[in-house]
N, C-alpha and C. Protein backbone atom coordinates (compact mmCIF):
# COMPACT_ATOMS: atom_id res chain seq x y z
N MET A 1 -24.69 148.84 -36.51
CA MET A 1 -26.03 148.38 -36.82
C MET A 1 -26.53 149.02 -38.11
N LYS A 2 -26.25 150.31 -38.27
CA LYS A 2 -26.68 151.00 -39.48
C LYS A 2 -26.02 150.41 -40.72
N LYS A 3 -24.76 150.03 -40.57
CA LYS A 3 -24.04 149.45 -41.71
C LYS A 3 -24.64 148.12 -42.12
N ILE A 4 -25.06 147.33 -41.15
CA ILE A 4 -25.67 146.04 -41.46
C ILE A 4 -27.00 146.25 -42.18
N ILE A 5 -27.80 147.16 -41.71
CA ILE A 5 -29.09 147.45 -42.34
C ILE A 5 -28.87 147.99 -43.74
N TYR A 6 -27.91 148.88 -43.91
CA TYR A 6 -27.60 149.45 -45.22
C TYR A 6 -27.14 148.34 -46.18
N ALA A 7 -26.28 147.45 -45.70
CA ALA A 7 -25.80 146.35 -46.53
C ALA A 7 -26.94 145.42 -46.91
N LEU A 8 -27.83 145.17 -45.97
CA LEU A 8 -28.98 144.31 -46.25
C LEU A 8 -29.90 144.94 -47.30
N LEU A 9 -30.18 146.22 -47.16
CA LEU A 9 -31.01 146.92 -48.15
C LEU A 9 -30.35 146.95 -49.52
N LEU A 10 -29.06 147.14 -49.54
CA LEU A 10 -28.31 147.14 -50.80
C LEU A 10 -28.39 145.78 -51.46
N PHE A 11 -28.24 144.71 -50.68
CA PHE A 11 -28.33 143.36 -51.21
C PHE A 11 -29.72 143.07 -51.76
N ILE A 12 -30.75 143.47 -51.04
CA ILE A 12 -32.12 143.25 -51.49
C ILE A 12 -32.40 143.99 -52.78
N SER A 13 -31.96 145.24 -52.87
CA SER A 13 -32.19 146.01 -54.10
C SER A 13 -31.42 145.41 -55.26
N PHE A 14 -30.20 144.94 -55.01
CA PHE A 14 -29.41 144.32 -56.08
C PHE A 14 -30.06 143.04 -56.56
N SER A 15 -30.53 142.21 -55.64
CA SER A 15 -31.15 140.96 -56.04
C SER A 15 -32.47 141.21 -56.77
N ALA A 16 -33.18 142.26 -56.41
CA ALA A 16 -34.41 142.60 -57.13
C ALA A 16 -34.10 143.06 -58.54
N PHE A 17 -33.01 143.80 -58.71
CA PHE A 17 -32.60 144.27 -60.03
C PHE A 17 -32.13 143.10 -60.89
N ALA A 18 -31.43 142.16 -60.28
CA ALA A 18 -30.88 141.02 -61.02
C ALA A 18 -31.96 140.00 -61.37
N GLY A 19 -33.14 140.11 -60.80
CA GLY A 19 -34.20 139.14 -61.05
C GLY A 19 -34.72 139.13 -62.46
N GLY A 20 -34.57 140.22 -63.20
CA GLY A 20 -35.07 140.29 -64.56
C GLY A 20 -34.41 139.29 -65.48
N ASP A 21 -33.13 139.05 -65.28
CA ASP A 21 -32.46 138.10 -66.15
C ASP A 21 -32.88 136.67 -65.84
N ARG A 22 -33.18 136.38 -64.58
CA ARG A 22 -33.66 135.04 -64.25
C ARG A 22 -35.02 134.78 -64.88
N ASP A 23 -35.86 135.80 -64.95
CA ASP A 23 -37.16 135.65 -65.59
C ASP A 23 -37.00 135.34 -67.08
N LEU A 24 -36.06 136.00 -67.73
CA LEU A 24 -35.81 135.75 -69.14
C LEU A 24 -35.26 134.34 -69.36
N ILE A 25 -34.41 133.88 -68.47
CA ILE A 25 -33.87 132.53 -68.59
C ILE A 25 -34.98 131.51 -68.42
N ARG A 26 -35.85 131.73 -67.43
CA ARG A 26 -37.00 130.82 -67.23
C ARG A 26 -37.93 130.83 -68.43
N GLN A 27 -38.16 132.01 -69.01
CA GLN A 27 -39.03 132.11 -70.18
C GLN A 27 -38.44 131.33 -71.35
N GLN A 28 -37.14 131.42 -71.54
CA GLN A 28 -36.50 130.69 -72.63
C GLN A 28 -36.60 129.19 -72.41
N GLU A 29 -36.36 128.73 -71.20
CA GLU A 29 -36.47 127.30 -70.89
C GLU A 29 -37.89 126.81 -71.11
N LYS A 30 -38.87 127.61 -70.73
CA LYS A 30 -40.27 127.25 -70.91
C LYS A 30 -40.61 127.15 -72.40
N GLN A 31 -40.11 128.10 -73.18
CA GLN A 31 -40.36 128.06 -74.62
C GLN A 31 -39.78 126.79 -75.23
N GLU A 32 -38.59 126.43 -74.81
CA GLU A 32 -37.95 125.24 -75.36
C GLU A 32 -38.76 123.99 -75.02
N LYS A 33 -39.28 123.91 -73.82
CA LYS A 33 -40.12 122.76 -73.44
C LYS A 33 -41.40 122.72 -74.27
N ILE A 34 -41.99 123.89 -74.51
CA ILE A 34 -43.22 123.95 -75.30
C ILE A 34 -42.95 123.52 -76.73
N ILE A 35 -41.81 123.92 -77.28
CA ILE A 35 -41.46 123.55 -78.65
C ILE A 35 -41.29 122.03 -78.74
N ARG A 36 -40.58 121.44 -77.78
CA ARG A 36 -40.38 119.99 -77.80
C ARG A 36 -41.71 119.24 -77.65
N ALA A 37 -42.59 119.75 -76.79
CA ALA A 37 -43.90 119.11 -76.62
C ALA A 37 -44.74 119.24 -77.88
N ALA A 38 -44.67 120.37 -78.54
CA ALA A 38 -45.44 120.56 -79.79
C ALA A 38 -44.94 119.61 -80.87
N TYR A 39 -43.64 119.41 -80.94
CA TYR A 39 -43.10 118.48 -81.93
C TYR A 39 -43.50 117.05 -81.59
N LYS A 40 -43.45 116.72 -80.33
CA LYS A 40 -43.81 115.37 -79.90
C LYS A 40 -45.28 115.07 -80.19
N ARG A 41 -46.13 116.08 -80.07
CA ARG A 41 -47.57 115.90 -80.32
C ARG A 41 -47.94 116.19 -81.78
N HIS A 42 -46.94 116.34 -82.63
CA HIS A 42 -47.12 116.57 -84.07
C HIS A 42 -47.89 117.85 -84.38
N LYS A 43 -47.65 118.89 -83.57
CA LYS A 43 -48.26 120.20 -83.83
C LYS A 43 -47.41 121.03 -84.77
N VAL A 44 -46.13 120.71 -84.85
CA VAL A 44 -45.22 121.39 -85.78
C VAL A 44 -44.47 120.32 -86.58
N THR A 45 -44.08 120.70 -87.79
CA THR A 45 -43.35 119.76 -88.63
C THR A 45 -41.90 119.68 -88.18
N GLU A 46 -41.17 118.74 -88.74
CA GLU A 46 -39.76 118.59 -88.38
C GLU A 46 -38.95 119.80 -88.80
N GLN A 47 -39.25 120.34 -89.96
CA GLN A 47 -38.54 121.53 -90.44
C GLN A 47 -38.82 122.74 -89.52
N GLU A 48 -40.08 122.91 -89.13
CA GLU A 48 -40.42 124.00 -88.22
C GLU A 48 -39.74 123.81 -86.87
N TYR A 49 -39.70 122.55 -86.41
CA TYR A 49 -39.04 122.24 -85.14
C TYR A 49 -37.56 122.63 -85.20
N ARG A 50 -36.91 122.28 -86.29
CA ARG A 50 -35.48 122.62 -86.44
C ARG A 50 -35.27 124.13 -86.45
N LYS A 51 -36.15 124.86 -87.14
CA LYS A 51 -36.03 126.32 -87.18
C LYS A 51 -36.22 126.92 -85.78
N LEU A 52 -37.23 126.43 -85.08
CA LEU A 52 -37.50 126.94 -83.73
C LEU A 52 -36.36 126.62 -82.76
N MET A 53 -35.80 125.43 -82.87
CA MET A 53 -34.70 125.06 -81.98
C MET A 53 -33.42 125.83 -82.33
N ALA A 54 -33.21 126.11 -83.60
CA ALA A 54 -32.06 126.93 -83.99
C ALA A 54 -32.22 128.34 -83.43
N GLU A 55 -33.45 128.83 -83.44
CA GLU A 55 -33.72 130.15 -82.87
C GLU A 55 -33.47 130.14 -81.36
N GLN A 56 -33.85 129.07 -80.69
CA GLN A 56 -33.59 128.96 -79.25
C GLN A 56 -32.09 128.91 -78.97
N LYS A 57 -31.35 128.25 -79.84
CA LYS A 57 -29.89 128.20 -79.69
C LYS A 57 -29.29 129.60 -79.82
N THR A 58 -29.82 130.39 -80.75
CA THR A 58 -29.36 131.77 -80.92
C THR A 58 -29.67 132.59 -79.68
N ILE A 59 -30.85 132.41 -79.13
CA ILE A 59 -31.24 133.15 -77.93
C ILE A 59 -30.33 132.78 -76.77
N LYS A 60 -30.02 131.49 -76.63
CA LYS A 60 -29.11 131.05 -75.56
C LYS A 60 -27.73 131.68 -75.74
N ARG A 61 -27.28 131.78 -76.99
CA ARG A 61 -25.97 132.37 -77.25
C ARG A 61 -25.96 133.84 -76.83
N TYR A 62 -27.02 134.57 -77.15
CA TYR A 62 -27.12 135.97 -76.71
C TYR A 62 -27.18 136.07 -75.19
N MET A 63 -27.86 135.13 -74.54
CA MET A 63 -27.90 135.14 -73.08
C MET A 63 -26.52 134.90 -72.49
N ASP A 64 -25.77 133.98 -73.09
CA ASP A 64 -24.41 133.73 -72.62
C ASP A 64 -23.52 134.95 -72.79
N LEU A 65 -23.68 135.64 -73.92
CA LEU A 65 -22.90 136.86 -74.14
C LEU A 65 -23.28 137.95 -73.14
N ALA A 66 -24.56 138.06 -72.85
CA ALA A 66 -25.02 139.07 -71.89
C ALA A 66 -24.54 138.74 -70.48
N ASP A 67 -24.42 137.46 -70.18
CA ASP A 67 -24.03 137.03 -68.84
C ASP A 67 -22.51 136.93 -68.67
N ALA A 68 -21.76 137.24 -69.70
CA ALA A 68 -20.30 137.12 -69.62
C ALA A 68 -19.72 138.00 -68.52
N ASP A 69 -20.28 139.20 -68.33
CA ASP A 69 -19.79 140.09 -67.28
C ASP A 69 -20.67 140.05 -66.03
N HIS A 70 -21.63 139.13 -66.00
CA HIS A 70 -22.54 138.92 -64.87
C HIS A 70 -23.45 140.12 -64.60
N VAL A 71 -23.56 141.03 -65.55
CA VAL A 71 -24.46 142.18 -65.43
C VAL A 71 -25.17 142.33 -66.76
N TRP A 72 -26.50 142.31 -66.71
CA TRP A 72 -27.28 142.47 -67.93
C TRP A 72 -27.70 143.92 -68.04
N SER A 73 -27.28 144.59 -69.08
CA SER A 73 -27.68 145.97 -69.28
C SER A 73 -29.13 146.00 -69.78
N PRO A 74 -29.79 147.13 -69.66
CA PRO A 74 -31.16 147.22 -70.18
C PRO A 74 -31.24 146.92 -71.68
N ALA A 75 -30.21 147.32 -72.43
CA ALA A 75 -30.21 147.04 -73.87
C ALA A 75 -30.13 145.54 -74.12
N GLU A 76 -29.33 144.83 -73.34
CA GLU A 76 -29.22 143.39 -73.50
C GLU A 76 -30.53 142.70 -73.13
N LYS A 77 -31.15 143.16 -72.06
CA LYS A 77 -32.44 142.58 -71.65
C LYS A 77 -33.49 142.81 -72.73
N ASN A 78 -33.54 144.02 -73.28
CA ASN A 78 -34.52 144.32 -74.32
C ASN A 78 -34.28 143.50 -75.57
N ARG A 79 -33.02 143.31 -75.93
CA ARG A 79 -32.69 142.52 -77.12
C ARG A 79 -33.14 141.08 -76.94
N ILE A 80 -32.86 140.51 -75.78
CA ILE A 80 -33.24 139.12 -75.52
C ILE A 80 -34.75 139.00 -75.41
N LYS A 81 -35.40 139.95 -74.75
CA LYS A 81 -36.87 139.94 -74.64
C LYS A 81 -37.50 139.99 -76.02
N GLY A 82 -36.96 140.81 -76.91
CA GLY A 82 -37.48 140.89 -78.28
C GLY A 82 -37.34 139.57 -79.01
N LYS A 83 -36.20 138.93 -78.85
CA LYS A 83 -35.99 137.63 -79.50
C LYS A 83 -36.95 136.58 -78.95
N LEU A 84 -37.17 136.60 -77.64
CA LEU A 84 -38.11 135.65 -77.04
C LEU A 84 -39.54 135.90 -77.52
N ASP A 85 -39.92 137.17 -77.64
CA ASP A 85 -41.26 137.50 -78.12
C ASP A 85 -41.45 137.05 -79.57
N ARG A 86 -40.45 137.29 -80.42
CA ARG A 86 -40.55 136.86 -81.81
C ARG A 86 -40.63 135.34 -81.90
N ALA A 87 -39.87 134.64 -81.07
CA ALA A 87 -39.92 133.18 -81.07
C ALA A 87 -41.29 132.68 -80.63
N GLU A 88 -41.87 133.36 -79.65
CA GLU A 88 -43.22 132.98 -79.18
C GLU A 88 -44.25 133.16 -80.28
N HIS A 89 -44.20 134.27 -80.99
CA HIS A 89 -45.15 134.52 -82.08
C HIS A 89 -44.96 133.51 -83.21
N ARG A 90 -43.72 133.18 -83.51
CA ARG A 90 -43.45 132.20 -84.56
C ARG A 90 -43.96 130.82 -84.16
N LEU A 91 -43.79 130.45 -82.91
CA LEU A 91 -44.29 129.17 -82.43
C LEU A 91 -45.80 129.09 -82.55
N VAL A 92 -46.48 130.15 -82.15
CA VAL A 92 -47.95 130.18 -82.26
C VAL A 92 -48.37 130.06 -83.72
N ARG A 93 -47.68 130.76 -84.60
CA ARG A 93 -48.01 130.71 -86.02
C ARG A 93 -47.80 129.31 -86.58
N TYR A 94 -46.70 128.67 -86.22
CA TYR A 94 -46.43 127.32 -86.70
C TYR A 94 -47.43 126.31 -86.16
N LYS A 95 -47.82 126.46 -84.90
CA LYS A 95 -48.77 125.52 -84.32
C LYS A 95 -50.16 125.65 -84.93
N ASN A 96 -50.49 126.82 -85.42
CA ASN A 96 -51.85 127.06 -85.92
C ASN A 96 -51.93 127.08 -87.45
N ASN A 97 -50.89 126.64 -88.14
CA ASN A 97 -50.99 126.63 -89.59
C ASN A 97 -51.81 125.43 -90.03
N SER A 98 -52.14 125.38 -91.29
CA SER A 98 -53.07 124.35 -91.78
C SER A 98 -52.36 123.28 -92.60
N GLU A 99 -51.10 123.03 -92.33
CA GLU A 99 -50.40 121.99 -93.07
C GLU A 99 -50.89 120.62 -92.61
N VAL A 100 -50.88 119.68 -93.54
CA VAL A 100 -51.30 118.32 -93.23
C VAL A 100 -50.07 117.52 -92.87
N TYR A 101 -50.17 116.72 -91.83
CA TYR A 101 -49.02 115.92 -91.37
C TYR A 101 -49.16 114.49 -91.81
């Protein structure tokens, strides 16, 4: 009985630790949807859209590299989080610029 409880607690703690990478994946997917919606509503230009989507492709590539061993180290999580934050700030800047369409 103790072994079952120990295994259950170990599984719960592991799944809680692994949840951080799922949050980053969801954040990246959400950003991509927002970028596509902004382009569709003419909030960003075509050139800005291409830059933002290229950045999302780079972020996905880093996520794939981090997930190659199925364990995301804190350094990998921080690197991807930084890239997502920079992409978010760039998207806000592009959406709020004063270019005429």
